[in-house]
Amino acid sequence: MAKVQHITNVARRKKVRRRVHRGRVAGALAILALIVVGIVLAFSTDECESPLTHQHVNAEAVAAAQRDAAAANALAKGSMDRQQQLLSIKAKEAQLRQQGYVNAANDYITTVNSLIK
């Protein structure tokens, strides 16, 4: 039998280097982050007034508002001391808002307005 020569001169394929597309990786990470945040928010066990709005009632702000409103109500209407107390209440509300506690400031001023006579 005759030996059959194998063709060894076959053109070799050039290796293609795959590049990582940064845009695709960033997009995938962003989607993954959104999924994780969604899951965390869905399973959070916060005690909220309404599960749809996630607005918390700040108990400390309400207690401070009740204390300050009682102090203002104890003073005579139209007196300078009462005006000073009301200005102090407005200053506390503004300070809470300035520090970023908008919901606490809303709870504080709502409670004060409902209690002031």
Protein backbone atom coordinates (compact mmCIF):
# COMPACT_ATOMS: atom_id res chain seq x y z
CA MET A 1 0.00 0.00 0.00
CA ALA A 2 1.11 3.43 -0.77
CA LYS A 3 1.43 5.99 1.90
CA VAL A 4 -1.03 8.82 1.63
CA GLN A 5 0.39 12.15 2.45
CA HIS A 6 -1.73 14.36 4.61
CA ILE A 7 -1.96 17.94 3.63
CA THR A 8 -0.15 19.78 6.36
CA ASN A 9 -0.03 23.09 4.61
CA VAL A 10 -3.52 24.09 5.67
CA ALA A 11 -3.95 27.81 6.20
CA ARG A 12 -4.06 28.48 9.88
CA ARG A 13 -6.73 30.74 11.24
CA LYS A 14 -5.60 33.86 12.94
CA LYS A 15 -6.61 34.01 16.60
CA VAL A 16 -9.13 36.73 17.18
CA ARG A 17 -8.68 38.59 20.43
CA ARG A 18 -11.98 39.44 22.02
CA ARG A 19 -12.21 42.81 23.68
CA VAL A 20 -14.37 43.61 26.67
CA HIS A 21 -16.88 46.25 25.71
CA ARG A 22 -16.93 48.69 28.59
CA GLY A 23 -20.34 50.01 27.63
CA ARG A 24 -21.90 46.56 27.80
CA VAL A 25 -20.28 45.82 31.15
CA ALA A 26 -21.44 49.16 32.56
CA GLY A 27 -24.97 48.56 31.28
CA ALA A 28 -25.07 45.08 32.80
CA LEU A 29 -23.83 46.40 36.15
CA ALA A 30 -26.40 49.19 36.12
CA ILE A 31 -29.21 46.73 35.45
CA LEU A 32 -27.93 44.45 38.20
CA ALA A 33 -27.79 47.38 40.64
CA LEU A 34 -31.38 48.36 39.80
CA ILE A 35 -32.54 44.81 40.37
CA VAL A 36 -30.80 44.63 43.76
CA VAL A 37 -32.22 48.00 44.86
CA GLY A 38 -35.70 46.93 43.74
CA ILE A 39 -35.50 43.71 45.73
CA VAL A 40 -34.26 45.52 48.84
CA LEU A 41 -37.07 48.07 48.62
CA ALA A 42 -39.66 45.35 48.03
CA PHE A 43 -38.65 43.42 51.13
CA SER A 44 -37.91 46.32 53.46
CA THR A 45 -39.65 46.02 56.81
CA ASP A 46 -40.12 49.69 57.54
CA GLU A 47 -43.04 50.77 59.66
CA CYS A 48 -44.63 53.33 57.38
CA GLU A 49 -47.94 55.14 57.39
CA SER A 50 -48.60 53.92 53.90
CA PRO A 51 -46.60 51.24 52.09
CA LEU A 52 -47.09 53.12 48.82
CA THR A 53 -45.66 56.47 49.90
CA HIS A 54 -43.09 55.20 52.43
CA GLN A 55 -43.60 58.30 54.56
CA HIS A 56 -42.60 57.78 58.16
CA VAL A 57 -44.04 59.69 61.07
CA ASN A 58 -41.11 61.02 63.02
CA ALA A 59 -42.05 60.41 66.66
CA GLU A 60 -39.32 62.70 68.00
CA ALA A 61 -40.50 65.59 65.84
CA VAL A 62 -44.10 65.07 66.92
CA ALA A 63 -43.11 64.93 70.61
CA ALA A 64 -41.04 68.12 70.29
CA ALA A 65 -43.91 69.82 68.46
CA GLN A 66 -46.38 68.87 71.20
CA ARG A 67 -44.02 70.19 73.87
CA ASP A 68 -43.39 73.48 72.01
CA ALA A 69 -47.09 73.98 71.17
CA ALA A 70 -48.05 73.43 74.82
CA ALA A 71 -45.47 76.00 75.88
CA ALA A 72 -46.87 78.50 73.34
CA ASN A 73 -50.46 77.84 74.42
CA ALA A 74 -49.54 78.45 78.06
CA LEU A 75 -48.52 82.02 77.23
CA ALA A 76 -50.97 84.90 76.82
CA LYS A 77 -52.10 85.65 73.28
CA GLY A 78 -50.42 88.67 71.78
CA SER A 79 -47.62 88.75 74.36
CA MET A 80 -43.99 89.13 73.37
CA ASP A 81 -43.14 85.82 75.06
CA ARG A 82 -45.68 83.98 72.90
CA GLN A 83 -44.33 85.67 69.76
CA GLN A 84 -40.83 84.60 70.79
CA GLN A 85 -42.04 81.01 71.25
CA LEU A 86 -43.71 81.02 67.80
CA LEU A 87 -40.54 82.37 66.22
CA SER A 88 -38.58 79.65 67.97
CA ILE A 89 -40.95 77.05 66.48
CA LYS A 90 -40.43 78.46 62.97
CA ALA A 91 -36.66 78.49 63.54
CA LYS A 92 -36.70 74.80 64.54
CA GLU A 93 -38.68 73.95 61.42
CA ALA A 94 -36.26 75.87 59.22
CA GLN A 95 -33.28 74.21 60.90
CA LEU A 96 -34.73 70.75 60.29
CA ARG A 97 -35.30 71.57 56.62
CA GLN A 98 -31.80 73.02 56.26
CA GLN A 99 -30.26 69.87 57.72
CA GLY A 100 -32.18 67.74 55.20
CA TYR A 101 -34.89 66.38 57.48
CA VAL A 102 -37.79 67.50 55.32
CA ASN A 103 -40.26 64.84 56.49
CA ALA A 104 -39.46 65.54 60.16
CA ALA A 105 -39.94 69.27 59.55
CA ASN A 106 -43.30 68.59 57.91
CA ASP A 107 -44.41 66.41 60.83
CA TYR A 108 -43.20 69.03 63.31
CA ILE A 109 -44.98 72.01 61.76
CA THR A 110 -48.17 70.03 61.00
CA THR A 111 -48.41 68.95 64.64
CA VAL A 112 -47.71 72.48 65.92
CA ASN A 113 -50.33 73.99 63.59
CA SER A 114 -52.94 71.50 64.76
CA LEU A 115 -52.25 72.24 68.46
CA ILE A 116 -51.78 76.04 68.50
CA LYS A 117 -54.89 77.88 69.64
